């Protein structure tokens, strides 16, 4: 009985995360885009559309993880950070005023 209850709780947590999590993209602290966490896609944010970017930024989403695949900045911290799959763990691209966070769907 305890094992069955524990199994249901764990299964519910994993299913909830898969169904309820999205990748939110922010520019200048404003939400500009939302993507499915399991989209398995790449998205390019163009400097022409977002003038404070130092250059284009490529966001990649694969198998429930997200990363900045390409970006231009003095130290490349956001692309060095690599893959993130934890809800609430931001990828911050400074000084590009660009941020990506896995969050629960609103």
N, C-alpha and C. Protein backbone atom coordinates (compact mmCIF):
# COMPACT_ATOMS: atom_id res chain seq x y z
N UNK A 1 0.82 -1.19 0.00
CA UNK A 1 0.00 0.00 0.00
C UNK A 1 0.87 1.27 0.00
N UNK A 2 1.88 1.29 0.86
CA UNK A 2 2.77 2.45 0.92
C UNK A 2 3.54 2.59 -0.39
N UNK A 3 4.01 1.46 -0.91
CA UNK A 3 4.75 1.49 -2.18
C UNK A 3 3.87 2.03 -3.31
N UNK A 4 2.63 1.60 -3.37
CA UNK A 4 1.71 2.08 -4.41
C UNK A 4 1.46 3.57 -4.28
N UNK A 5 1.29 4.05 -3.05
CA UNK A 5 1.08 5.48 -2.83
C UNK A 5 2.31 6.28 -3.26
N UNK A 6 3.49 5.81 -2.88
CA UNK A 6 4.72 6.49 -3.25
C UNK A 6 4.89 6.51 -4.76
N UNK A 7 4.60 5.41 -5.43
CA UNK A 7 4.68 5.33 -6.89
C UNK A 7 3.77 6.36 -7.55
N UNK A 8 2.55 6.48 -7.05
CA UNK A 8 1.60 7.45 -7.62
C UNK A 8 2.07 8.89 -7.41
N UNK A 9 2.62 9.19 -6.26
CA UNK A 9 3.12 10.54 -5.99
C UNK A 9 4.27 10.87 -6.93
N UNK A 10 5.24 9.98 -7.05
CA UNK A 10 6.41 10.21 -7.92
C UNK A 10 5.97 10.33 -9.37
N UNK A 11 5.10 9.46 -9.83
CA UNK A 11 4.61 9.53 -11.20
C UNK A 11 3.88 10.84 -11.45
N UNK A 12 3.09 11.28 -10.50
CA UNK A 12 2.36 12.54 -10.64
C UNK A 12 3.31 13.73 -10.72
N UNK A 13 4.38 13.73 -9.93
CA UNK A 13 5.35 14.82 -9.97
C UNK A 13 6.01 14.89 -11.33
N UNK A 14 6.46 13.75 -11.88
CA UNK A 14 7.13 13.76 -13.18
C UNK A 14 6.16 14.13 -14.30
N UNK A 15 4.94 13.63 -14.26
CA UNK A 15 3.97 13.97 -15.29
C UNK A 15 3.59 15.44 -15.21
N UNK A 16 3.46 15.97 -14.02
CA UNK A 16 3.12 17.38 -13.86
C UNK A 16 4.21 18.26 -14.45
N UNK A 17 5.46 17.93 -14.18
CA UNK A 17 6.55 18.73 -14.71
C UNK A 17 6.55 18.71 -16.23
N UNK A 18 6.34 17.55 -16.83
CA UNK A 18 6.35 17.45 -18.28
C UNK A 18 5.20 18.25 -18.89
N UNK A 19 4.03 18.16 -18.30
CA UNK A 19 2.86 18.81 -18.87
C UNK A 19 2.78 20.30 -18.56
N UNK A 20 3.29 20.70 -17.41
CA UNK A 20 3.07 22.06 -16.94
C UNK A 20 4.25 23.00 -17.12
N UNK A 21 5.38 22.53 -17.62
CA UNK A 21 6.56 23.39 -17.75
C UNK A 21 6.72 23.91 -19.17
N UNK A 22 7.14 25.17 -19.26
CA UNK A 22 7.41 25.82 -20.53
C UNK A 22 8.74 26.56 -20.41
N UNK A 23 9.27 26.95 -21.53
CA UNK A 23 10.47 27.77 -21.57
C UNK A 23 10.02 29.20 -21.86
N UNK A 24 10.23 30.07 -20.89
CA UNK A 24 9.88 31.48 -21.06
C UNK A 24 11.13 32.27 -21.40
N UNK A 25 11.01 33.16 -22.37
CA UNK A 25 12.12 33.97 -22.86
C UNK A 25 11.82 35.43 -22.53
N UNK A 26 12.80 36.10 -21.91
CA UNK A 26 12.64 37.49 -21.50
C UNK A 26 13.70 38.36 -22.18
N UNK A 27 13.29 39.55 -22.55
CA UNK A 27 14.20 40.57 -23.08
C UNK A 27 13.88 41.85 -22.33
N UNK A 28 14.89 42.46 -21.76
CA UNK A 28 14.71 43.65 -20.93
C UNK A 28 13.64 43.42 -19.85
N UNK A 29 13.67 42.23 -19.25
CA UNK A 29 12.78 41.82 -18.16
C UNK A 29 11.32 41.70 -18.57
N UNK A 30 11.03 41.70 -19.87
CA UNK A 30 9.67 41.50 -20.37
C UNK A 30 9.58 40.15 -21.06
N UNK A 31 8.51 39.42 -20.78
CA UNK A 31 8.27 38.14 -21.44
C UNK A 31 8.01 38.38 -22.92
N UNK A 32 8.85 37.79 -23.78
CA UNK A 32 8.68 37.99 -25.22
C UNK A 32 8.28 36.72 -25.96
N UNK A 33 8.48 35.55 -25.32
CA UNK A 33 8.20 34.30 -26.02
C UNK A 33 8.02 33.18 -25.01
N UNK A 34 7.21 32.20 -25.38
CA UNK A 34 7.02 30.99 -24.58
C UNK A 34 7.07 29.80 -25.53
N UNK A 35 7.85 28.78 -25.16
CA UNK A 35 7.99 27.57 -25.97
C UNK A 35 7.70 26.34 -25.12
N UNK A 36 7.24 25.30 -25.77
CA UNK A 36 7.03 24.03 -25.09
C UNK A 36 8.39 23.46 -24.69
N UNK A 37 8.48 22.90 -23.49
CA UNK A 37 9.74 22.35 -22.99
C UNK A 37 10.19 21.13 -23.79
N UNK A 38 9.26 20.43 -24.38
CA UNK A 38 9.61 19.24 -25.17
C UNK A 38 9.43 19.49 -26.66
N UNK A 39 9.72 20.71 -27.10
CA UNK A 39 9.53 21.09 -28.50
C UNK A 39 10.61 20.55 -29.42
N UNK A 40 11.83 20.32 -28.90
CA UNK A 40 12.96 19.88 -29.71
C UNK A 40 13.15 20.78 -30.93
N UNK A 41 13.40 22.06 -30.64
CA UNK A 41 13.52 23.08 -31.68
C UNK A 41 14.66 24.04 -31.33
N UNK A 42 15.05 24.81 -32.33
CA UNK A 42 15.97 25.93 -32.15
C UNK A 42 15.25 27.20 -32.58
N UNK A 43 15.53 28.28 -31.86
CA UNK A 43 14.92 29.58 -32.15
C UNK A 43 16.03 30.62 -32.19
N UNK A 44 15.96 31.52 -33.14
CA UNK A 44 16.96 32.58 -33.26
C UNK A 44 16.29 33.91 -32.96
N UNK A 45 16.87 34.65 -32.03
CA UNK A 45 16.41 35.99 -31.69
C UNK A 45 17.38 36.97 -32.32
N UNK A 46 16.87 37.75 -33.24
CA UNK A 46 17.69 38.62 -34.10
C UNK A 46 17.97 39.97 -33.44
N UNK A 47 19.20 40.42 -33.59
CA UNK A 47 19.59 41.74 -33.11
C UNK A 47 18.72 42.83 -33.75
N UNK A 48 18.32 42.63 -34.99
CA UNK A 48 17.46 43.61 -35.68
C UNK A 48 16.13 43.82 -34.93
N UNK A 49 15.62 42.74 -34.31
CA UNK A 49 14.35 42.82 -33.58
C UNK A 49 14.54 43.27 -32.13
N UNK A 50 15.72 43.01 -31.58
CA UNK A 50 16.01 43.32 -30.18
C UNK A 50 17.34 44.08 -30.14
N UNK A 51 17.31 45.39 -30.27
CA UNK A 51 18.52 46.19 -30.50
C UNK A 51 19.57 46.15 -29.40
N UNK A 52 19.22 45.79 -28.17
CA UNK A 52 20.23 45.76 -27.12
C UNK A 52 21.05 44.47 -27.13
N UNK A 53 20.68 43.50 -27.96
CA UNK A 53 21.51 42.31 -28.13
C UNK A 53 22.81 42.70 -28.81
N UNK A 54 23.89 42.07 -28.42
CA UNK A 54 25.17 42.34 -29.09
C UNK A 54 25.21 41.69 -30.46
N UNK A 55 24.48 40.60 -30.63
CA UNK A 55 24.34 39.89 -31.90
C UNK A 55 23.17 38.93 -31.74
N UNK A 56 22.88 38.14 -32.76
CA UNK A 56 21.79 37.17 -32.67
C UNK A 56 22.06 36.15 -31.55
N UNK A 57 20.98 35.64 -30.94
CA UNK A 57 21.07 34.61 -29.91
C UNK A 57 20.27 33.41 -30.38
N UNK A 58 20.89 32.23 -30.29
CA UNK A 58 20.22 30.98 -30.67
C UNK A 58 19.88 30.19 -29.42
N UNK A 59 18.60 29.93 -29.23
CA UNK A 59 18.07 29.14 -28.13
C UNK A 59 17.77 27.75 -28.65
N UNK A 60 18.18 26.72 -27.91
CA UNK A 60 17.93 25.34 -28.32
C UNK A 60 17.19 24.60 -27.21
N UNK A 61 16.13 23.88 -27.58
CA UNK A 61 15.35 23.07 -26.64
C UNK A 61 15.37 21.64 -27.14
N UNK A 62 15.80 20.72 -26.29
CA UNK A 62 15.89 19.31 -26.67
C UNK A 62 15.59 18.43 -25.46
N UNK A 63 14.64 17.52 -25.60
CA UNK A 63 14.35 16.51 -24.59
C UNK A 63 14.18 17.08 -23.19
N UNK A 64 13.45 18.17 -23.06
CA UNK A 64 13.17 18.74 -21.75
C UNK A 64 14.30 19.57 -21.17
N UNK A 65 15.27 19.92 -22.00
CA UNK A 65 16.39 20.76 -21.55
C UNK A 65 16.49 21.96 -22.48
N UNK A 66 17.09 23.03 -21.97
CA UNK A 66 17.24 24.25 -22.77
C UNK A 66 18.66 24.77 -22.59
N UNK A 67 19.16 25.42 -23.64
CA UNK A 67 20.48 26.06 -23.57
C UNK A 67 20.54 27.19 -24.58
N UNK A 68 21.51 28.07 -24.38
CA UNK A 68 21.84 29.07 -25.38
C UNK A 68 22.97 28.45 -26.20
N UNK A 69 22.67 28.14 -27.45
CA UNK A 69 23.65 27.47 -28.31
C UNK A 69 24.68 28.45 -28.87
N UNK A 70 24.23 29.67 -29.19
CA UNK A 70 25.13 30.69 -29.74
C UNK A 70 24.72 32.06 -29.24
N UNK A 71 25.73 32.87 -28.90
CA UNK A 71 25.50 34.24 -28.48
C UNK A 71 26.82 34.99 -28.52
N UNK A 72 26.73 36.30 -28.46
CA UNK A 72 27.92 37.14 -28.44
C UNK A 72 27.89 37.98 -27.17
N UNK A 73 28.94 37.86 -26.39
CA UNK A 73 29.10 38.69 -25.19
C UNK A 73 30.56 38.62 -24.77
N UNK A 74 31.01 39.49 -23.89
CA UNK A 74 32.42 39.51 -23.53
C UNK A 74 32.94 38.19 -22.95
N UNK A 75 32.14 37.49 -22.15
CA UNK A 75 32.62 36.27 -21.51
C UNK A 75 31.82 35.02 -21.88
N UNK A 76 30.76 35.16 -22.64
CA UNK A 76 29.93 34.04 -23.10
C UNK A 76 29.40 33.17 -21.95
N UNK A 77 29.05 33.80 -20.84
CA UNK A 77 28.58 33.04 -19.68
C UNK A 77 27.31 32.25 -19.96
N UNK A 78 26.38 32.80 -20.71
CA UNK A 78 25.12 32.07 -20.88
C UNK A 78 25.29 30.85 -21.79
N UNK A 79 26.15 30.90 -22.78
CA UNK A 79 26.37 29.70 -23.60
C UNK A 79 27.27 28.70 -22.88
N UNK A 80 28.18 29.18 -22.04
CA UNK A 80 29.04 28.28 -21.26
C UNK A 80 28.22 27.52 -20.22
N UNK A 81 27.13 28.11 -19.74
CA UNK A 81 26.30 27.47 -18.72
C UNK A 81 25.80 26.11 -19.17
N UNK A 82 25.58 25.94 -20.46
CA UNK A 82 25.17 24.64 -20.99
C UNK A 82 23.69 24.36 -20.77
N UNK A 83 23.36 23.08 -20.76
CA UNK A 83 21.97 22.63 -20.68
C UNK A 83 21.41 22.84 -19.28
N UNK A 84 20.16 23.30 -19.23
CA UNK A 84 19.43 23.47 -17.98
C UNK A 84 18.13 22.70 -18.09
N UNK A 85 17.81 21.93 -17.05
CA UNK A 85 16.53 21.22 -17.04
C UNK A 85 15.78 21.42 -15.72
N UNK A 86 16.28 22.30 -14.88
CA UNK A 86 15.65 22.58 -13.59
C UNK A 86 14.71 23.78 -13.70
N UNK A 87 13.49 23.59 -13.24
CA UNK A 87 12.53 24.68 -13.22
C UNK A 87 13.03 25.78 -12.30
N UNK A 88 13.00 27.01 -12.79
CA UNK A 88 13.41 28.15 -11.99
C UNK A 88 14.87 28.52 -12.12
N UNK A 89 15.70 27.69 -12.72
CA UNK A 89 17.12 28.00 -12.90
C UNK A 89 17.28 28.86 -14.15
N UNK A 90 17.62 30.14 -14.01
CA UNK A 90 17.69 31.02 -15.19
C UNK A 90 18.99 30.85 -15.97
N UNK A 91 18.89 31.12 -17.24
CA UNK A 91 20.06 31.33 -18.09
C UNK A 91 20.04 32.82 -18.40
N UNK A 92 21.04 33.53 -17.89
CA UNK A 92 21.06 34.99 -18.02
C UNK A 92 22.18 35.39 -18.97
N UNK A 93 21.81 36.10 -20.01
CA UNK A 93 22.78 36.57 -21.00
C UNK A 93 23.01 38.06 -20.80
N UNK A 94 24.02 38.36 -20.01
CA UNK A 94 24.40 39.75 -19.78
C UNK A 94 25.65 40.03 -20.60
N UNK A 95 25.76 41.14 -21.22
CA UNK A 95 24.93 42.34 -21.17
C UNK A 95 23.87 42.39 -22.26
N UNK A 96 23.36 41.27 -22.68
CA UNK A 96 22.37 41.22 -23.77
C UNK A 96 20.93 41.49 -23.32
N UNK A 97 20.69 41.63 -22.02
CA UNK A 97 19.34 41.86 -21.51
C UNK A 97 18.39 40.74 -21.92
N UNK A 98 18.90 39.51 -21.92
CA UNK A 98 18.18 38.34 -22.41
C UNK A 98 18.24 37.26 -21.34
N UNK A 99 17.10 36.62 -21.05
CA UNK A 99 17.06 35.59 -20.03
C UNK A 99 16.07 34.51 -20.43
N UNK A 100 16.38 33.27 -20.06
CA UNK A 100 15.54 32.11 -20.34
C UNK A 100 15.32 31.35 -19.04
N UNK A 101 14.08 30.97 -18.75
CA UNK A 101 13.77 30.23 -17.54
C UNK A 101 12.73 29.16 -17.84
N UNK A 102 12.93 27.95 -17.31
CA UNK A 102 11.90 26.93 -17.34
C UNK A 102 10.95 27.26 -16.18
N UNK A 103 9.69 27.46 -16.52
CA UNK A 103 8.69 27.81 -15.50
C UNK A 103 7.43 27.00 -15.72
N UNK A 104 6.60 26.94 -14.69
CA UNK A 104 5.31 26.27 -14.85
C UNK A 104 4.40 27.12 -15.72
N UNK A 105 3.63 26.45 -16.53
CA UNK A 105 2.68 27.12 -17.43
C UNK A 105 1.72 27.95 -16.61
N UNK A 106 1.47 29.15 -17.08
CA UNK A 106 0.52 30.05 -16.38
C UNK A 106 -0.89 29.72 -16.75
